[in-house]
Amino acid sequence: MPLAPVDRLEIQVLVDNATDMLSSTPSFVETESAGLLRRGIRLTTAKCLCCAAHGLSCLLIAHRGDERRVMLFDTGPEEYAFERNTTRLDADLGSVEAIMLSHGHWDHAGAMLLALTKIRARSGGRTIPFYAHPGMFRSRGVKLPSGAIRRMEDIPSVDDLTAFGAEVIATREPQALLDDMFYVSGEIPRVTPYERGYPGQMRLADDGQSWEPDELLMDERYLAINVAGKGLVVLSACSHAGIVNVLTDARERFPGVPLHAAMGGLHLSGPNEAIIPQTVDGLRGFGLKTIAAGHCTGWRAMTALANAFGDGVLAPSAVGKRYTF
């Protein structure tokens, strides 16, 4: 699959679990407060601030020569956070040319219909390609210790997405898009013995009545961009497949291209806290220059990453941050 190098990549965090205006950052990361100052805001006030929410959404801008291609990666859990944050960050939604939904969970798709509305209102109403996996539209839930199923909110259906102006491209195969500047993976092979998916997740069976195990979450996919002189920047929204599995696949898909950065949720919270040591050890073998962990990573895993890699590599994600590679 072709993946043409880009000269520069900007990633603006629109929604994330954390807000952090004050911590120092490396030179390639702009904090929310620094972004406010850059845009000319001189009064410190909450009226300018983003809000944190359990979910993830990123706006990606790839530059190659005079070309500029833009895509939206997920939308976070609900409309309020997405609308508030995109407005206060002055995010250029009208330039979005494609959307990718990383997997079929509500905390990544809750504002998708609003996002389509805002994008199309600013771009002349054109249809927006929407990259998805056919398995992400199943109803899902989590099996509780009692045996009961706690349902998850469904993500928007193909019919709803189409009605709101999306051209839904649902496939299990990898794809290159926007002049081959972005790579959407296929299904992620599970090769490590310890990355077991989402413990307890279930999906509604075809009969519409019974529930069946769905812990592997095979509809999850990652996004990769090749930055010239640096290497692959990989976005893995939740890493239900396991971040080591994700990066192993990315390395095998693009042999000879170094892995530069991994960004997104690593889902090492809850039951997956048990695999923090193996995951941290597994990450050592990729030579990453940046780990921009956030969302569902969890504080225990973040502490372990900080101890293992230090400030030179770990640059935690937070709402309003802008990364430039």
C-alpha atoms as a PDB file:
ATOM      1  CA  MET A   1       0.000   0.000   0.000  1.00  0.00           C
ATOM      2  CA  PRO A   2       1.527   3.352  -0.972  1.00  0.00           C
ATOM      3  CA  LEU A   3       2.130   5.944   1.727  1.00  0.00           C
ATOM      4  CA  ALA A   4       3.768   9.065   0.366  1.00  0.00           C
ATOM      5  CA  PRO A   5       5.962  11.001   2.822  1.00  0.00           C
ATOM      6  CA  VAL A   6       4.629  14.362   3.978  1.00  0.00           C
ATOM      7  CA  ASP A   7       6.757  17.370   4.839  1.00  0.00           C
ATOM      8  CA  ARG A   8       4.883  18.223   8.021  1.00  0.00           C
ATOM      9  CA  LEU A   9       2.014  16.854  10.079  1.00  0.00           C
ATOM     10  CA  GLU A  10      -0.085  18.806  12.574  1.00  0.00           C
ATOM     11  CA  ILE A  11      -2.379  17.009  15.004  1.00  0.00           C
ATOM     12  CA  GLN A  12      -4.806  19.100  17.023  1.00  0.00           C
ATOM     13  CA  VAL A  13      -6.478  17.320  19.940  1.00  0.00           C
ATOM     14  CA  LEU A  14     -10.152  18.308  19.872  1.00  0.00           C
ATOM     15  CA  VAL A  15     -11.417  15.954  22.594  1.00  0.00           C
ATOM     16  CA  ASP A  16      -9.537  13.984  25.241  1.00  0.00           C
ATOM     17  CA  ASN A  17     -10.023  12.842  28.835  1.00  0.00           C
ATOM     18  CA  ALA A  18      -7.577  15.357  30.292  1.00  0.00           C
ATOM     19  CA  THR A  19      -7.076  19.106  30.241  1.00  0.00           C
ATOM     20  CA  ASP A  20      -3.589  20.419  31.017  1.00  0.00           C
ATOM     21  CA  MET A  21      -2.718  24.042  30.266  1.00  0.00           C
ATOM     22  CA  LEU A  22       0.238  24.444  32.598  1.00  0.00           C
ATOM     23  CA  SER A  23       2.641  21.522  32.286  1.00  0.00           C
ATOM     24  CA  SER A  24       5.785  22.141  30.262  1.00  0.00           C
ATOM     25  CA  THR A  25       5.925  20.435  26.878  1.00  0.00           C
ATOM     26  CA  PRO A  26       8.575  19.627  24.260  1.00  0.00           C
ATOM     27  CA  SER A  27       9.126  22.154  21.484  1.00  0.00           C
ATOM     28  CA  PHE A  28       6.889  20.340  18.978  1.00  0.00           C
ATOM     29  CA  VAL A  29       3.835  20.408  21.294  1.00  0.00           C
ATOM     30  CA  GLU A  30       1.747  23.540  21.803  1.00  0.00           C
ATOM     31  CA  THR A  31      -0.461  23.647  24.901  1.00  0.00           C
ATOM     32  CA  GLU A  32      -4.026  24.932  24.918  1.00  0.00           C
ATOM     33  CA  SER A  33      -2.931  28.144  26.654  1.00  0.00           C
ATOM     34  CA  ALA A  34      -0.087  28.739  24.190  1.00  0.00           C
ATOM     35  CA  GLY A  35      -2.564  28.310  21.370  1.00  0.00           C
ATOM     36  CA  LEU A  36      -4.823  30.939  22.902  1.00  0.00           C
ATOM     37  CA  LEU A  37      -1.942  33.398  23.070  1.00  0.00           C
ATOM     38  CA  ARG A  38      -0.951  32.633  19.479  1.00  0.00           C
ATOM     39  CA  ARG A  39      -4.471  33.475  18.366  1.00  0.00           C
ATOM     40  CA  GLY A  40      -4.325  36.839  20.131  1.00  0.00           C
ATOM     41  CA  ILE A  41      -6.329  36.200  23.303  1.00  0.00           C
ATOM     42  CA  ARG A  42      -4.990  38.353  26.135  1.00  0.00           C
ATOM     43  CA  LEU A  43      -7.582  37.885  28.904  1.00  0.00           C
ATOM     44  CA  THR A  44      -7.366  34.779  31.077  1.00  0.00           C
ATOM     45  CA  THR A  45     -10.933  33.512  31.392  1.00  0.00           C
ATOM     46  CA  ALA A  46     -12.803  30.232  31.448  1.00  0.00           C
ATOM     47  CA  LYS A  47     -14.892  31.509  28.556  1.00  0.00           C
ATOM     48  CA  CYS A  48     -12.019  30.557  26.237  1.00  0.00           C
ATOM     49  CA  LEU A  49     -11.273  27.100  27.583  1.00  0.00           C
ATOM     50  CA  CYS A  50     -11.984  23.649  26.211  1.00  0.00           C
ATOM     51  CA  CYS A  51     -13.581  20.904  28.294  1.00  0.00           C
ATOM     52  CA  ALA A  52     -12.274  17.415  28.883  1.00  0.00           C
ATOM     53  CA  ALA A  53     -14.523  14.424  28.184  1.00  0.00           C
ATOM     54  CA  HIS A  54     -14.123  10.657  28.103  1.00  0.00           C
ATOM     55  CA  GLY A  55     -13.293  10.129  24.462  1.00  0.00           C
ATOM     56  CA  LEU A  56     -10.951  11.158  21.681  1.00  0.00           C
ATOM     57  CA  SER A  57     -11.031  13.323  18.579  1.00  0.00           C
ATOM     58  CA  CYS A  58      -8.144  14.700  16.524  1.00  0.00           C
ATOM     59  CA  LEU A  59      -7.871  16.986  13.510  1.00  0.00           C
ATOM     60  CA  LEU A  60      -4.948  16.072  11.246  1.00  0.00           C
ATOM     61  CA  ILE A  61      -3.367  18.396   8.704  1.00  0.00           C
ATOM     62  CA  ALA A  62      -0.711  16.954   6.391  1.00  0.00           C
ATOM     63  CA  HIS A  63       1.514  19.234   4.296  1.00  0.00           C
ATOM     64  CA  ARG A  64       3.509  18.256   1.217  1.00  0.00           C
ATOM     65  CA  GLY A  65       4.899  21.113  -0.822  1.00  0.00           C
ATOM     66  CA  ASP A  66       1.957  23.392  -1.552  1.00  0.00           C
ATOM     67  CA  GLU A  67      -0.553  20.609  -0.851  1.00  0.00           C
ATOM     68  CA  ARG A  68      -2.555  20.535   2.368  1.00  0.00           C
ATOM     69  CA  ARG A  69      -4.845  17.588   3.153  1.00  0.00           C
ATOM     70  CA  VAL A  70      -7.076  17.421   6.214  1.00  0.00           C
ATOM     71  CA  MET A  71      -8.965  14.639   7.926  1.00  0.00           C
ATOM     72  CA  LEU A  72     -10.910  14.109  11.151  1.00  0.00           C
ATOM     73  CA  PHE A  73     -10.106  11.131  13.365  1.00  0.00           C
ATOM     74  CA  ASP A  74     -13.083  10.317  15.649  1.00  0.00           C
ATOM     75  CA  THR A  75     -15.363  12.887  17.319  1.00  0.00           C
ATOM     76  CA  GLY A  76     -15.391  12.107  21.036  1.00  0.00           C
ATOM     77  CA  PRO A  77     -18.397  11.017  23.113  1.00  0.00           C
ATOM     78  CA  GLU A  78     -21.024  13.723  22.674  1.00  0.00           C
ATOM     79  CA  GLU A  79     -21.933  16.916  20.875  1.00  0.00           C
ATOM     80  CA  TYR A  80     -21.391  19.454  23.669  1.00  0.00           C
ATOM     81  CA  ALA A  81     -17.678  18.775  24.086  1.00  0.00           C
ATOM     82  CA  PHE A  82     -17.055  18.596  20.334  1.00  0.00           C
ATOM     83  CA  GLU A  83     -18.899  21.829  19.552  1.00  0.00           C
ATOM     84  CA  ARG A  84     -17.443  23.746  22.490  1.00  0.00           C
ATOM     85  CA  ASN A  85     -13.885  22.639  21.822  1.00  0.00           C
ATOM     86  CA  THR A  86     -13.843  23.060  18.047  1.00  0.00           C
ATOM     87  CA  THR A  87     -15.277  26.562  18.493  1.00  0.00           C
ATOM     88  CA  ARG A  88     -12.800  27.582  21.183  1.00  0.00           C
ATOM     89  CA  LEU A  89      -9.867  26.093  19.317  1.00  0.00           C
ATOM     90  CA  ASP A  90     -10.998  27.788  16.106  1.00  0.00           C
ATOM     91  CA  ALA A  91     -10.658  24.415  14.375  1.00  0.00           C
ATOM     92  CA  ASP A  92     -10.949  24.658  10.598  1.00  0.00           C
ATOM     93  CA  LEU A  93     -13.642  22.033  10.107  1.00  0.00           C
ATOM     94  CA  GLY A  94     -14.548  23.383   6.689  1.00  0.00           C
ATOM     95  CA  SER A  95     -11.257  22.044   5.345  1.00  0.00           C
ATOM     96  CA  VAL A  96     -11.945  18.431   6.421  1.00  0.00           C
ATOM     97  CA  GLU A  97     -11.841  16.162   3.361  1.00  0.00           C
ATOM     98  CA  ALA A  98     -12.368  12.763   5.016  1.00  0.00           C
ATOM     99  CA  ILE A  99     -13.379  11.209   8.331  1.00  0.00           C
ATOM    100  CA  MET A 100     -12.125   8.015   9.920  1.00  0.00           C
ATOM    101  CA  LEU A 101     -13.932   6.308  12.781  1.00  0.00           C
ATOM    102  CA  SER A 102     -11.380   4.158  14.586  1.00  0.00           C
ATOM    103  CA  HIS A 103     -13.853   1.609  16.005  1.00  0.00           C
ATOM    104  CA  GLY A 104     -17.486   1.215  16.960  1.00  0.00           C
ATOM    105  CA  HIS A 105     -17.618   2.725  20.449  1.00  0.00           C
ATOM    106  CA  TRP A 106     -19.816   5.612  21.556  1.00  0.00           C
ATOM    107  CA  ASP A 107     -16.955   7.614  23.107  1.00  0.00           C
ATOM    108  CA  HIS A 108     -15.432   8.027  19.630  1.00  0.00           C
ATOM    109  CA  ALA A 109     -18.577   8.500  17.554  1.00  0.00           C
ATOM    110  CA  GLY A 110     -21.012  10.397  19.781  1.00  0.00           C
ATOM    111  CA  ALA A 111     -20.650  13.690  17.907  1.00  0.00           C
ATOM    112  CA  MET A 112     -20.281  12.261  14.418  1.00  0.00           C
ATOM    113  CA  LEU A 113     -23.553  13.584  12.994  1.00  0.00           C
ATOM    114  CA  LEU A 114     -22.852  17.056  14.390  1.00  0.00           C
ATOM    115  CA  ALA A 115     -19.350  16.926  12.932  1.00  0.00           C
ATOM    116  CA  LEU A 116     -20.743  16.089   9.497  1.00  0.00           C
ATOM    117  CA  THR A 117     -23.223  18.949   9.790  1.00  0.00           C
ATOM    118  CA  LYS A 118     -20.532  21.466  10.747  1.00  0.00           C
ATOM    119  CA  ILE A 119     -18.067  20.269   8.105  1.00  0.00           C
ATOM    120  CA  ARG A 120     -20.601  20.374   5.283  1.00  0.00           C
ATOM    121  CA  ALA A 121     -22.000  23.744   6.372  1.00  0.00           C
ATOM    122  CA  ARG A 122     -18.516  25.196   5.918  1.00  0.00           C
ATOM    123  CA  SER A 123     -17.596  23.367   2.719  1.00  0.00           C
ATOM    124  CA  GLY A 124     -20.518  23.957   0.413  1.00  0.00           C
ATOM    125  CA  GLY A 125     -22.448  20.833   1.377  1.00  0.00           C
ATOM    126  CA  ARG A 126     -20.151  18.383  -0.362  1.00  0.00           C
ATOM    127  CA  THR A 127     -20.256  14.676   0.491  1.00  0.00           C
ATOM    128  CA  ILE A 128     -17.573  13.566   2.974  1.00  0.00           C
ATOM    129  CA  PRO A 129     -15.834  10.179   2.587  1.00  0.00           C
ATOM    130  CA  PHE A 130     -16.242   8.250   5.843  1.00  0.00           C
ATOM    131  CA  TYR A 131     -13.869   5.312   6.444  1.00  0.00           C
ATOM    132  CA  ALA A 132     -15.276   2.528   8.579  1.00  0.00           C
ATOM    133  CA  HIS A 133     -15.152  -1.202   9.250  1.00  0.00           C
ATOM    134  CA  PRO A 134     -18.383  -3.130   8.583  1.00  0.00           C
ATOM    135  CA  GLY A 135     -18.241  -4.757  12.034  1.00  0.00           C
ATOM    136  CA  MET A 136     -18.379  -1.505  13.968  1.00  0.00           C
ATOM    137  CA  PHE A 137     -22.119  -1.027  13.518  1.00  0.00           C
ATOM    138  CA  ARG A 138     -23.129  -3.922  15.799  1.00  0.00           C
ATOM    139  CA  SER A 139     -24.871  -3.240  19.119  1.00  0.00           C
ATOM    140  CA  ARG A 140     -22.479  -3.814  22.004  1.00  0.00           C
ATOM    141  CA  GLY A 141     -22.379  -4.170  25.751  1.00  0.00           C
ATOM    142  CA  VAL A 142     -20.253  -5.314  28.671  1.00  0.00           C
ATOM    143  CA  LYS A 143     -20.943  -8.409  30.733  1.00  0.00           C
ATOM    144  CA  LEU A 144     -21.129  -7.542  34.432  1.00  0.00           C
ATOM    145  CA  PRO A 145     -20.041  -9.868  37.273  1.00  0.00           C
ATOM    146  CA  SER A 146     -23.722 -10.601  37.841  1.00  0.00           C
ATOM    147  CA  GLY A 147     -24.021 -11.924  34.290  1.00  0.00           C
ATOM    148  CA  ALA A 148     -26.199  -9.024  33.184  1.00  0.00           C
ATOM    149  CA  ILE A 149     -25.299  -7.037  30.068  1.00  0.00           C
ATOM    150  CA  ARG A 150     -24.815  -3.281  30.357  1.00  0.00           C
ATOM    151  CA  ARG A 151     -25.482  -1.984  26.863  1.00  0.00           C
ATOM    152  CA  MET A 152     -23.415   0.669  25.126  1.00  0.00           C
ATOM    153  CA  GLU A 153     -25.019   3.410  23.103  1.00  0.00           C
ATOM    154  CA  ASP A 154     -24.998   2.460  19.417  1.00  0.00           C
ATOM    155  CA  ILE A 155     -22.887   4.519  17.046  1.00  0.00           C
ATOM    156  CA  PRO A 156     -24.700   6.242  14.137  1.00  0.00           C
ATOM    157  CA  SER A 157     -25.892   3.789  11.516  1.00  0.00           C
ATOM    158  CA  VAL A 158     -24.818   3.749   7.880  1.00  0.00           C
ATOM    159  CA  ASP A 159     -28.246   5.144   6.949  1.00  0.00           C
ATOM    160  CA  ASP A 160     -27.918   8.006   9.438  1.00  0.00           C
ATOM    161  CA  LEU A 161     -24.382   8.822   8.342  1.00  0.00           C
ATOM    162  CA  THR A 162     -25.456   8.800   4.701  1.00  0.00           C
ATOM    163  CA  ALA A 163     -28.431  11.051   5.452  1.00  0.00           C
ATOM    164  CA  PHE A 164     -26.050  13.551   7.065  1.00  0.00           C
ATOM    165  CA  GLY A 165     -23.797  13.659   4.005  1.00  0.00           C
ATOM    166  CA  ALA A 166     -21.251  10.888   4.520  1.00  0.00           C
ATOM    167  CA  GLU A 167     -20.090   8.535   1.794  1.00  0.00           C
ATOM    168  CA  VAL A 168     -19.578   5.451   3.946  1.00  0.00           C
ATOM    169  CA  ILE A 169     -16.655   3.284   2.819  1.00  0.00           C
ATOM    170  CA  ALA A 170     -16.897   0.167   4.993  1.00  0.00           C
ATOM    171  CA  THR A 171     -14.175  -2.399   4.406  1.00  0.00           C
ATOM    172  CA  ARG A 172     -11.840  -4.748   6.263  1.00  0.00           C
ATOM    173  CA  GLU A 173      -8.992  -3.934   3.875  1.00  0.00           C
ATOM    174  CA  PRO A 174      -6.329  -1.238   4.306  1.00  0.00           C
ATOM    175  CA  GLN A 175      -6.612   1.926   2.265  1.00  0.00           C
ATOM    176  CA  ALA A 176      -4.480   4.919   1.317  1.00  0.00           C
ATOM    177  CA  LEU A 177      -6.314   8.206   0.936  1.00  0.00           C
ATOM    178  CA  LEU A 178      -5.924  11.908   0.230  1.00  0.00           C
ATOM    179  CA  ASP A 179      -3.072  11.645  -2.274  1.00  0.00           C
ATOM    180  CA  ASP A 180      -1.625   8.693  -0.339  1.00  0.00           C
ATOM    181  CA  MET A 181      -0.792  10.927   2.629  1.00  0.00           C
ATOM    182  CA  PHE A 182      -2.866   8.875   5.080  1.00  0.00           C
ATOM    183  CA  TYR A 183      -3.039   5.115   5.610  1.00  0.00           C
ATOM    184  CA  VAL A 184      -6.070   3.463   7.222  1.00  0.00           C
ATOM    185  CA  SER A 185      -5.102  -0.009   8.369  1.00  0.00           C
ATOM    186  CA  GLY A 186      -6.951  -3.220   7.791  1.00  0.00           C
ATOM    187  CA  GLU A 187      -7.805  -5.583  10.619  1.00  0.00           C
ATOM    188  CA  ILE A 188      -4.941  -5.723  13.092  1.00  0.00           C
ATOM    189  CA  PRO A 189      -3.327  -9.153  13.567  1.00  0.00           C
ATOM    190  CA  ARG A 190      -3.191 -10.274  17.202  1.00  0.00           C
ATOM    191  CA  VAL A 191       0.279 -11.684  17.743  1.00  0.00           C
ATOM    192  CA  THR A 192       1.194 -10.994  21.383  1.00  0.00           C
ATOM    193  CA  PRO A 193       0.040 -13.486  24.040  1.00  0.00           C
ATOM    194  CA  TYR A 194      -0.933 -10.797  26.578  1.00  0.00           C
ATOM    195  CA  GLU A 195      -2.979  -8.270  24.551  1.00  0.00           C
ATOM    196  CA  ARG A 196      -6.429  -9.847  24.790  1.00  0.00           C
ATOM    197  CA  GLY A 197      -8.758  -7.029  23.749  1.00  0.00           C
ATOM    198  CA  TYR A 198     -11.618  -5.663  25.840  1.00  0.00           C
ATOM    199  CA  PRO A 199     -12.377  -8.105  28.669  1.00  0.00           C
ATOM    200  CA  GLY A 200     -16.090  -8.739  29.006  1.00  0.00           C
ATOM    201  CA  GLN A 201     -17.243  -7.013  25.828  1.00  0.00           C
ATOM    202  CA  MET A 202     -20.248  -8.596  24.122  1.00  0.00           C
ATOM    203  CA  ARG A 203     -22.170  -7.911  20.932  1.00  0.00           C
ATOM    204  CA  LEU A 204     -25.753  -8.550  19.967  1.00  0.00           C
ATOM    205  CA  ALA A 205     -26.020 -11.709  17.898  1.00  0.00           C
ATOM    206  CA  ASP A 206     -27.642 -11.867  14.485  1.00  0.00           C
ATOM    207  CA  ASP A 207     -30.899 -13.085  16.028  1.00  0.00           C
ATOM    208  CA  GLY A 208     -31.285  -9.709  17.764  1.00  0.00           C
ATOM    209  CA  GLN A 209     -31.942 -11.403  21.107  1.00  0.00           C
ATOM    210  CA  SER A 210     -28.859 -13.168  22.447  1.00  0.00           C
ATOM    211  CA  TRP A 211     -25.385 -11.842  23.177  1.00  0.00           C
ATOM    212  CA  GLU A 212     -22.035 -13.294  22.078  1.00  0.00           C
ATOM    213  CA  PRO A 213     -18.424 -12.561  23.099  1.00  0.00           C
ATOM    214  CA  ASP A 214     -16.711  -9.737  21.233  1.00  0.00           C
ATOM    215  CA  GLU A 215     -13.548  -9.129  23.242  1.00  0.00           C
ATOM    216  CA  LEU A 216     -11.169  -8.956  20.278  1.00  0.00           C
ATOM    217  CA  LEU A 217     -12.956  -5.947  18.732  1.00  0.00           C
ATOM    218  CA  MET A 218     -11.703  -6.716  15.237  1.00  0.00           C
ATOM    219  CA  ASP A 219     -13.290  -3.551  13.809  1.00  0.00           C
ATOM    220  CA  GLU A 220     -10.609  -1.359  15.406  1.00  0.00           C
ATOM    221  CA  ARG A 221      -8.082   0.120  12.976  1.00  0.00           C
ATOM    222  CA  TYR A 222      -5.218   2.583  13.205  1.00  0.00           C
ATOM    223  CA  LEU A 223      -4.188   5.578  11.108  1.00  0.00           C
ATOM    224  CA  ALA A 224      -0.591   6.126   9.935  1.00  0.00           C
ATOM    225  CA  ILE A 225       1.261   9.029   8.322  1.00  0.00           C
ATOM    226  CA  ASN A 226       4.863   8.965   7.060  1.00  0.00           C
ATOM    227  CA  VAL A 227       6.649  12.201   7.967  1.00  0.00           C
ATOM    228  CA  ALA A 228       9.766  12.756   5.872  1.00  0.00           C
ATOM    229  CA  GLY A 229      12.964  12.583   7.897  1.00  0.00           C
ATOM    230  CA  LYS A 230      11.137  11.193  10.942  1.00  0.00           C
ATOM    231  CA  GLY A 231       9.041   8.144  10.092  1.00  0.00           C
ATOM    232  CA  LEU A 232       5.592   6.810  10.889  1.00  0.00           C
ATOM    233  CA  VAL A 233       3.204   8.636  13.187  1.00  0.00           C
ATOM    234  CA  VAL A 234       0.573   6.098  14.282  1.00  0.00           C
ATOM    235  CA  LEU A 235      -2.776   7.042  15.808  1.00  0.00           C
ATOM    236  CA  SER A 236      -4.446   4.268  17.764  1.00  0.00           C
ATOM    237  CA  ALA A 237      -7.583   5.620  19.343  1.00  0.00           C
ATOM    238  CA  CYS A 238      -8.066   2.999  22.074  1.00  0.00           C
ATOM    239  CA  SER A 239      -5.618   0.198  21.259  1.00  0.00           C
ATOM    240  CA  HIS A 240      -8.117  -2.534  22.080  1.00  0.00           C
ATOM    241  CA  ALA A 241      -5.990  -4.602  19.711  1.00  0.00           C
ATOM    242  CA  GLY A 242      -3.002  -3.818  21.938  1.00  0.00           C
ATOM    243  CA  ILE A 243      -0.565  -1.036  21.133  1.00  0.00           C
ATOM    244  CA  VAL A 244       2.252  -3.561  20.644  1.00  0.00           C
ATOM    245  CA  ASN A 245       0.127  -5.423  18.087  1.00  0.00           C
ATOM    246  CA  VAL A 246      -0.701  -2.092  16.411  1.00  0.00           C
ATOM    247  CA  LEU A 247       2.919  -1.014  16.102  1.00  0.00           C
ATOM    248  CA  THR A 248       4.039  -4.490  15.038  1.00  0.00           C
ATOM    249  CA  ASP A 249       1.591  -4.382  12.139  1.00  0.00           C
ATOM    250  CA  ALA A 250       2.619  -0.834  11.181  1.00  0.00           C
ATOM    251  CA  ARG A 251       6.280  -1.859  11.134  1.00  0.00           C
ATOM    252  CA  GLU A 252       5.552  -4.899   8.974  1.00  0.00           C
ATOM    253  CA  ARG A 253       3.381  -2.933   6.555  1.00  0.00           C
ATOM    254  CA  PHE A 254       6.087  -0.350   5.945  1.00  0.00           C
ATOM    255  CA  PRO A 255       9.462  -2.087   6.240  1.00  0.00           C
ATOM    256  CA  GLY A 256      12.371   0.299   6.258  1.00  0.00           C
ATOM    257  CA  VAL A 257      10.306   3.215   7.595  1.00  0.00           C
ATOM    258  CA  PRO A 258      11.110   3.892  11.260  1.00  0.00           C
ATOM    259  CA  LEU A 259       8.341   4.259  13.808  1.00  0.00           C
ATOM    260  CA  HIS A 260       8.508   7.817  15.111  1.00  0.00           C
ATOM    261  CA  ALA A 261       5.428   8.380  17.281  1.00  0.00           C
ATOM    262  CA  ALA A 262       2.446   6.552  18.759  1.00  0.00           C
ATOM    263  CA  MET A 263      -0.535   8.643  19.782  1.00  0.00           C
ATOM    264  CA  GLY A 264      -3.921   7.960  21.362  1.00  0.00           C
ATOM    265  CA  GLY A 265      -5.431   5.788  24.046  1.00  0.00           C
ATOM    266  CA  LEU A 266      -3.552   2.668  25.086  1.00  0.00           C
ATOM    267  CA  HIS A 267      -6.430   1.164  27.120  1.00  0.00           C
ATOM    268  CA  LEU A 268      -4.240   0.048  29.988  1.00  0.00           C
ATOM    269  CA  SER A 269      -6.839   0.925  32.609  1.00  0.00           C
ATOM    270  CA  GLY A 270      -9.352  -1.312  34.377  1.00  0.00           C
ATOM    271  CA  PRO A 271      -8.699  -5.048  33.817  1.00  0.00           C
ATOM    272  CA  ASN A 272      -5.895  -4.212  31.364  1.00  0.00           C
ATOM    273  CA  GLU A 273      -3.825  -2.690  34.163  1.00  0.00           C
ATOM    274  CA  ALA A 274      -2.569  -6.258  34.600  1.00  0.00           C
ATOM    275  CA  ILE A 275      -0.628  -6.077  31.321  1.00  0.00           C
ATOM    276  CA  ILE A 276       1.072  -2.721  31.899  1.00  0.00           C
ATOM    277  CA  PRO A 277       4.524  -4.286  32.550  1.00  0.00           C
ATOM    278  CA  GLN A 278       4.427  -6.458  29.403  1.00  0.00           C
ATOM    279  CA  THR A 279       3.172  -3.556  27.285  1.00  0.00           C
ATOM    280  CA  VAL A 280       5.814  -1.130  28.503  1.00  0.00           C
ATOM    281  CA  ASP A 281       8.484  -3.751  27.882  1.00  0.00           C
ATOM    282  CA  GLY A 282       7.054  -4.452  24.422  1.00  0.00           C
ATOM    283  CA  LEU A 283       7.141  -0.769  23.497  1.00  0.00           C
ATOM    284  CA  ARG A 284      10.887  -0.594  24.117  1.00  0.00           C
ATOM    285  CA  GLY A 285      11.587  -2.502  20.920  1.00  0.00           C
ATOM    286  CA  PHE A 286      10.121   0.099  18.546  1.00  0.00           C
ATOM    287  CA  GLY A 287      12.540   2.961  19.174  1.00  0.00           C
ATOM    288  CA  LEU A 288       9.729   5.503  19.434  1.00  0.00           C
ATOM    289  CA  LYS A 289      10.742   9.134  19.702  1.00  0.00           C
ATOM    290  CA  THR A 290       7.317  10.193  21.012  1.00  0.00           C
ATOM    291  CA  ILE A 291       4.541   8.477  22.946  1.00  0.00           C
ATOM    292  CA  ALA A 292       1.552  10.832  23.074  1.00  0.00           C
ATOM    293  CA  ALA A 293      -0.654   8.676  25.284  1.00  0.00           C
ATOM    294  CA  GLY A 294      -4.040   9.865  26.496  1.00  0.00           C
ATOM    295  CA  HIS A 295      -7.748   9.027  26.639  1.00  0.00           C
ATOM    296  CA  CYS A 296      -8.141   5.514  28.114  1.00  0.00           C
ATOM    297  CA  THR A 297      -4.473   4.914  28.955  1.00  0.00           C
ATOM    298  CA  GLY A 298      -4.989   5.381  32.706  1.00  0.00           C
ATOM    299  CA  TRP A 299      -2.798   7.008  35.343  1.00  0.00           C
ATOM    300  CA  ARG A 300      -1.062   3.787  36.380  1.00  0.00           C
ATOM    301  CA  ALA A 301       0.087   3.133  32.828  1.00  0.00           C
ATOM    302  CA  MET A 302       1.036   6.782  32.365  1.00  0.00           C
ATOM    303  CA  THR A 303       3.216   6.559  35.468  1.00  0.00           C
ATOM    304  CA  ALA A 304       4.856   3.376  34.190  1.00  0.00           C
ATOM    305  CA  LEU A 305       5.510   5.005  30.805  1.00  0.00           C
ATOM    306  CA  ALA A 306       7.025   8.065  32.482  1.00  0.00           C
ATOM    307  CA  ASN A 307       9.310   5.875  34.570  1.00  0.00           C
ATOM    308  CA  ALA A 308      10.353   3.785  31.571  1.00  0.00           C
ATOM    309  CA  PHE A 309      10.770   6.447  28.879  1.00  0.00           C
ATOM    310  CA  GLY A 310      10.984   9.808  30.655  1.00  0.00           C
ATOM    311  CA  ASP A 311      10.183  13.287  29.383  1.00  0.00           C
ATOM    312  CA  GLY A 312      12.292  12.754  26.313  1.00  0.00           C
ATOM    313  CA  VAL A 313       9.691  10.379  24.850  1.00  0.00           C
ATOM    314  CA  LEU A 314       6.442  10.641  26.816  1.00  0.00           C
ATOM    315  CA  ALA A 315       4.397  13.699  25.799  1.00  0.00           C
ATOM    316  CA  PRO A 316       0.903  13.004  27.204  1.00  0.00           C
ATOM    317  CA  SER A 317      -2.099  14.084  25.182  1.00  0.00           C
ATOM    318  CA  ALA A 318      -4.606  16.617  26.503  1.00  0.00           C
ATOM    319  CA  VAL A 319      -7.471  18.549  24.970  1.00  0.00           C
ATOM    320  CA  GLY A 320      -6.339  21.612  23.049  1.00  0.00           C
ATOM    321  CA  LYS A 321      -2.767  20.450  22.465  1.00  0.00           C
ATOM    322  CA  ARG A 322      -1.258  20.719  18.999  1.00  0.00           C
ATOM    323  CA  TYR A 323       1.542  18.348  17.940  1.00  0.00           C
ATOM    324  CA  THR A 324       3.734  19.208  14.962  1.00  0.00           C
ATOM    325  CA  PHE A 325       5.915  16.478  13.455  1.00  0.00           C
END
